Amino acid sequence: MQWLRNHLYLYYPVLVFALYFGVEKIAGLDVVKQYSQSDATYLFFQYKDELLAELEFVHKRNQGVDAAELPPAPEAESVAVQDLSGQALVVEADPGGDIDPGDSGFPADLDAKTLLVLGSSRLLYFDFARFDRNFPDWEMFNFSAPVTAPAYYLYILERSIERGVIPDYIILETDPFQFNSGSDAFRRSNLGFSFDAAFMAKYFAHFQRTDVSYWLARNLFAAYKFRRTRRISAIA
């Protein structure tokens, strides 16, 4: 101990790193992310936990689960966005459920079914209005996101099953690009924003060590996860 007291300078690098580790979390604040990202890809993954909560509530409600046993109902939130002119717009989020129970509740013979859509940007813009007109007794939950991979589909399915939701039907999209080991798209999208620690630990043997290292860096350092990607050209 006396030797350590006489060599306090050895702690300086640790203190500097701890200070940096705390301060750099500013990069994870919403007000900073909107300036540091060249696109809003991470938003497609960020709201997935809210959509899973909505899926659980609506599915169990439609299956006739007693109200006392239902999870908390998702609350509608006001999301502030900006249009191209910079003017603030307020968008009210859907609190969940497209089948209206009415004042008297759901009919006893209602066979409400749950559909999960898992895909990339191709299915991200699924024509919900047309689907709703043709299949009014179905609830559709679209978990599609840009540049997805099979691991992401597994993650969403496992989270759904954990919540007691067994979908009646699944639309799943796949293409050869998702299995391209020469592309870094998986690291830049799914791996950077989707998975939690439990999922990474469970399937550790199926990930490359570079994938694990990349996931740890993205989740430990906010400045790395929400780093600035715009290039600013210097004017000579």
Protein backbone atom coordinates (compact mmCIF):
# COMPACT_ATOMS: atom_id res chain seq x y z
CA MET A 1 0.00 0.00 0.00
CA GLN A 2 2.83 2.38 0.84
CA TRP A 3 4.34 1.72 -2.57
CA LEU A 4 1.05 2.59 -4.25
CA ARG A 5 0.78 5.83 -2.26
CA ASN A 6 4.21 6.78 -3.47
CA HIS A 7 3.26 6.04 -7.06
CA LEU A 8 -0.14 7.69 -7.38
CA TYR A 9 0.69 8.74 -10.92
CA LEU A 10 0.00 5.16 -11.95
CA TYR A 11 -3.68 5.88 -11.34
CA TYR A 12 -3.77 8.87 -13.68
CA PRO A 13 -4.50 6.88 -16.86
CA VAL A 14 -7.33 5.08 -15.06
CA LEU A 15 -8.84 8.35 -13.85
CA VAL A 16 -8.55 9.93 -17.29
CA PHE A 17 -10.27 6.93 -18.88
CA ALA A 18 -13.03 6.97 -16.24
CA LEU A 19 -13.61 10.68 -16.85
CA TYR A 20 -13.76 10.16 -20.60
CA PHE A 21 -16.03 7.13 -20.21
CA GLY A 22 -18.53 9.24 -18.24
CA VAL A 23 -18.40 12.41 -20.31
CA GLU A 24 -18.65 10.66 -23.68
CA LYS A 25 -22.11 9.34 -22.77
CA ILE A 26 -23.32 12.78 -23.84
CA ALA A 27 -23.13 11.39 -27.37
CA GLY A 28 -26.04 9.10 -26.50
CA LEU A 29 -28.44 11.94 -25.67
CA ASP A 30 -31.30 12.39 -28.13
CA VAL A 31 -30.48 16.05 -28.67
CA VAL A 32 -26.95 15.06 -29.74
CA LYS A 33 -27.86 12.03 -31.82
CA GLN A 34 -29.98 14.04 -34.22
CA TYR A 35 -26.90 16.06 -35.16
CA SER A 36 -24.35 13.25 -35.12
CA GLN A 37 -26.14 10.78 -37.40
CA SER A 38 -26.31 11.12 -41.16
CA ASP A 39 -29.51 9.05 -41.17
CA ALA A 40 -32.05 7.73 -38.67
CA THR A 41 -31.37 4.01 -39.11
CA TYR A 42 -30.96 3.46 -35.38
CA LEU A 43 -34.53 4.72 -34.79
CA PHE A 44 -35.94 1.68 -36.60
CA PHE A 45 -34.34 -0.53 -33.95
CA GLN A 46 -34.80 1.81 -30.98
CA TYR A 47 -38.59 1.53 -30.91
CA LYS A 48 -38.63 -2.28 -31.12
CA ASP A 49 -38.96 -2.69 -27.33
CA GLU A 50 -42.05 -0.46 -27.39
CA LEU A 51 -43.49 -2.46 -30.28
CA LEU A 52 -42.86 -5.71 -28.40
CA ALA A 53 -44.77 -4.32 -25.41
CA GLU A 54 -47.63 -3.34 -27.71
CA LEU A 55 -47.55 -6.79 -29.33
CA GLU A 56 -47.87 -8.52 -25.95
CA PHE A 57 -50.72 -6.32 -24.76
CA VAL A 58 -52.77 -6.46 -27.96
CA HIS A 59 -52.25 -10.19 -28.56
CA LYS A 60 -53.23 -11.19 -25.01
CA ARG A 61 -56.16 -8.77 -24.98
CA ASN A 62 -57.48 -10.21 -28.25
CA GLN A 63 -57.04 -13.76 -26.93
CA GLY A 64 -59.41 -12.97 -24.08
CA VAL A 65 -56.88 -12.79 -21.25
CA ASP A 66 -58.45 -11.37 -18.10
CA ALA A 67 -57.89 -7.63 -17.76
CA ALA A 68 -56.21 -8.09 -14.37
CA GLU A 69 -53.58 -10.35 -15.96
CA LEU A 70 -52.82 -8.10 -18.91
CA PRO A 71 -49.48 -6.26 -19.02
CA PRO A 72 -49.61 -2.46 -18.74
CA ALA A 73 -51.22 -0.90 -21.80
CA PRO A 74 -48.76 0.99 -24.02
CA GLU A 75 -49.23 4.71 -23.63
CA ALA A 76 -49.46 7.04 -26.59
CA GLU A 77 -46.51 9.40 -26.73
CA SER A 78 -45.95 12.62 -28.62
CA VAL A 79 -42.91 12.38 -30.83
CA ALA A 80 -41.35 15.66 -31.89
CA VAL A 81 -39.81 15.70 -35.36
CA GLN A 82 -38.76 18.39 -37.79
CA ASP A 83 -39.79 18.89 -41.38
CA LEU A 84 -37.43 20.05 -44.12
CA SER A 85 -37.95 23.69 -43.18
CA GLY A 86 -36.92 23.03 -39.60
CA GLN A 87 -40.43 23.57 -38.21
CA ALA A 88 -41.31 21.31 -35.31
CA LEU A 89 -44.07 18.78 -35.90
CA VAL A 90 -45.80 16.63 -33.29
CA VAL A 91 -46.82 13.09 -34.16
CA GLU A 92 -49.08 11.13 -31.84
CA ALA A 93 -48.00 7.51 -31.46
CA ASP A 94 -50.54 4.69 -31.77
CA PRO A 95 -51.23 3.28 -28.27
CA GLY A 96 -51.75 -0.18 -29.78
CA GLY A 97 -54.47 -2.31 -31.32
CA ASP A 98 -56.20 -1.85 -34.64
CA ILE A 99 -59.34 -3.84 -33.89
CA ASP A 100 -61.70 -1.55 -32.01
CA PRO A 101 -63.45 -3.37 -29.14
CA GLY A 102 -66.11 -0.66 -28.84
CA ASP A 103 -68.04 0.16 -25.68
CA SER A 104 -69.33 -3.39 -25.23
CA GLY A 105 -65.94 -5.08 -25.62
CA PHE A 106 -64.88 -7.74 -28.09
CA PRO A 107 -67.53 -10.13 -29.48
CA ALA A 108 -67.37 -13.60 -27.98
CA ASP A 109 -66.88 -15.21 -31.41
CA LEU A 110 -64.06 -12.88 -32.50
CA ASP A 111 -61.09 -14.86 -33.76
CA ALA A 112 -58.45 -12.13 -33.70
CA LYS A 113 -55.14 -13.31 -35.14
CA THR A 114 -51.61 -11.94 -34.88
CA LEU A 115 -49.27 -11.43 -37.82
CA LEU A 116 -45.55 -10.72 -37.50
CA VAL A 117 -43.67 -9.17 -40.40
CA LEU A 118 -39.90 -9.70 -40.32
CA GLY A 119 -37.91 -8.27 -43.17
CA SER A 120 -35.60 -5.59 -44.46
CA SER A 121 -36.47 -2.22 -45.97
CA ARG A 122 -38.43 -4.05 -48.68
CA LEU A 123 -41.11 -5.00 -46.14
CA LEU A 124 -40.65 -1.89 -44.03
CA TYR A 125 -43.26 -0.08 -46.11
CA PHE A 126 -45.84 -2.86 -46.02
CA ASP A 127 -49.18 -1.52 -47.27
CA PHE A 128 -50.97 -1.64 -43.94
CA ALA A 129 -54.09 0.23 -45.11
CA ARG A 130 -54.80 -2.35 -47.82
CA PHE A 131 -54.03 -5.21 -45.43
CA ASP A 132 -56.38 -3.78 -42.82
CA ARG A 133 -59.21 -3.48 -45.34
CA ASN A 134 -58.88 -7.08 -46.52
CA PHE A 135 -58.11 -8.68 -43.15
CA PRO A 136 -59.91 -6.63 -40.47
CA ASP A 137 -59.68 -9.46 -37.91
CA TRP A 138 -55.86 -9.51 -38.02
CA GLU A 139 -53.39 -7.49 -35.99
CA MET A 140 -50.16 -6.81 -37.91
CA PHE A 141 -46.88 -5.94 -36.21
CA ASN A 142 -44.11 -4.96 -38.59
CA PHE A 143 -40.64 -5.45 -37.11
CA SER A 144 -38.85 -4.90 -40.40
CA ALA A 145 -35.79 -2.67 -40.40
CA PRO A 146 -33.10 -1.63 -42.87
CA VAL A 147 -30.39 -4.21 -43.63
CA THR A 148 -31.64 -7.01 -41.41
CA ALA A 149 -30.20 -10.50 -40.91
CA PRO A 150 -31.57 -13.89 -39.76
CA ALA A 151 -30.09 -13.33 -36.29
CA TYR A 152 -32.34 -10.28 -35.93
CA TYR A 153 -35.41 -12.35 -36.84
CA LEU A 154 -34.46 -14.91 -34.19
CA TYR A 155 -34.02 -12.16 -31.61
CA ILE A 156 -37.49 -10.73 -32.24
CA LEU A 157 -39.14 -14.18 -32.24
CA GLU A 158 -37.50 -15.15 -28.97
CA ARG A 159 -38.52 -11.87 -27.34
CA SER A 160 -42.10 -12.46 -28.53
CA ILE A 161 -42.24 -16.01 -27.22
CA GLU A 162 -40.79 -14.87 -23.88
CA ARG A 163 -43.78 -12.54 -23.59
CA GLY A 164 -46.18 -15.42 -24.24
CA VAL A 165 -46.98 -14.41 -27.82
CA ILE A 166 -47.13 -17.21 -30.40
CA PRO A 167 -47.90 -15.52 -33.75
CA ASP A 168 -50.57 -17.07 -35.93
CA TYR A 169 -48.65 -16.21 -39.07
CA ILE A 170 -45.18 -14.87 -39.92
CA ILE A 171 -44.04 -13.15 -43.08
CA LEU A 172 -40.27 -13.54 -43.22
CA GLU A 173 -38.06 -12.12 -45.93
CA THR A 174 -34.60 -13.34 -46.82
CA ASP A 175 -32.16 -12.81 -49.65
CA PRO A 176 -28.58 -13.89 -50.53
CA PHE A 177 -27.11 -10.57 -49.37
CA GLN A 178 -28.01 -11.41 -45.77
CA PHE A 179 -25.53 -14.30 -45.92
CA ASN A 180 -22.69 -12.29 -47.46
CA SER A 181 -19.79 -12.66 -45.04
CA GLY A 182 -17.79 -10.10 -46.99
CA SER A 183 -20.16 -7.26 -46.14
CA ASP A 184 -20.06 -5.18 -42.96
CA ALA A 185 -23.78 -4.33 -43.21
CA PHE A 186 -24.67 -6.71 -40.35
CA ARG A 187 -22.26 -4.94 -37.99
CA ARG A 188 -23.44 -1.48 -39.01
CA SER A 189 -27.13 -2.24 -38.48
CA ASN A 190 -28.38 -5.25 -36.50
CA LEU A 191 -25.27 -5.89 -34.44
CA GLY A 192 -24.87 -2.26 -33.53
CA PHE A 193 -28.42 -1.54 -32.40
CA SER A 194 -30.51 -4.71 -31.91
CA PHE A 195 -29.24 -7.36 -29.52
CA ASP A 196 -28.99 -7.40 -25.74
CA ALA A 197 -26.30 -8.98 -23.58
CA ALA A 198 -28.33 -12.13 -22.86
CA PHE A 199 -28.78 -12.84 -26.56
CA MET A 200 -25.08 -12.29 -27.30
CA ALA A 201 -24.09 -14.62 -24.44
CA LYS A 202 -26.55 -17.32 -25.48
CA TYR A 203 -25.31 -17.42 -29.08
CA PHE A 204 -21.71 -16.47 -28.37
CA ALA A 205 -20.38 -19.49 -30.26
CA HIS A 206 -22.26 -18.43 -33.41
CA PHE A 207 -20.74 -14.95 -33.58
CA GLN A 208 -17.30 -14.11 -34.86
CA ARG A 209 -14.97 -12.67 -32.25
CA THR A 210 -14.82 -9.44 -34.25
CA ASP A 211 -18.63 -9.28 -34.02
CA VAL A 212 -18.51 -9.63 -30.24
CA SER A 213 -15.82 -6.96 -29.97
CA TYR A 214 -17.82 -4.65 -32.21
CA TRP A 215 -20.99 -5.20 -30.14
CA LEU A 216 -19.16 -4.43 -26.90
CA ALA A 217 -17.68 -1.24 -28.35
CA ARG A 218 -21.07 -0.08 -29.64
CA ASN A 219 -22.79 -0.71 -26.32
CA LEU A 220 -20.08 0.60 -24.00
CA PHE A 221 -19.18 3.78 -25.87
CA ALA A 222 -22.01 6.07 -26.94
CA ALA A 223 -19.73 8.14 -29.13
CA TYR A 224 -18.91 5.02 -31.12
CA LYS A 225 -22.53 3.91 -31.42
CA PHE A 226 -23.82 7.34 -32.44
CA ARG A 227 -20.72 8.68 -34.08
CA ARG A 228 -20.80 11.43 -36.65
CA THR A 229 -20.76 9.95 -40.15
CA ARG A 230 -21.14 13.06 -42.28
CA ARG A 231 -18.04 14.13 -44.15
CA ILE A 232 -17.23 17.81 -44.14
CA SER A 233 -15.17 18.93 -47.09
CA ALA A 234 -12.71 21.72 -46.48
CA ILE A 235 -12.95 24.67 -48.83
CA ALA A 236 -9.51 25.67 -50.04
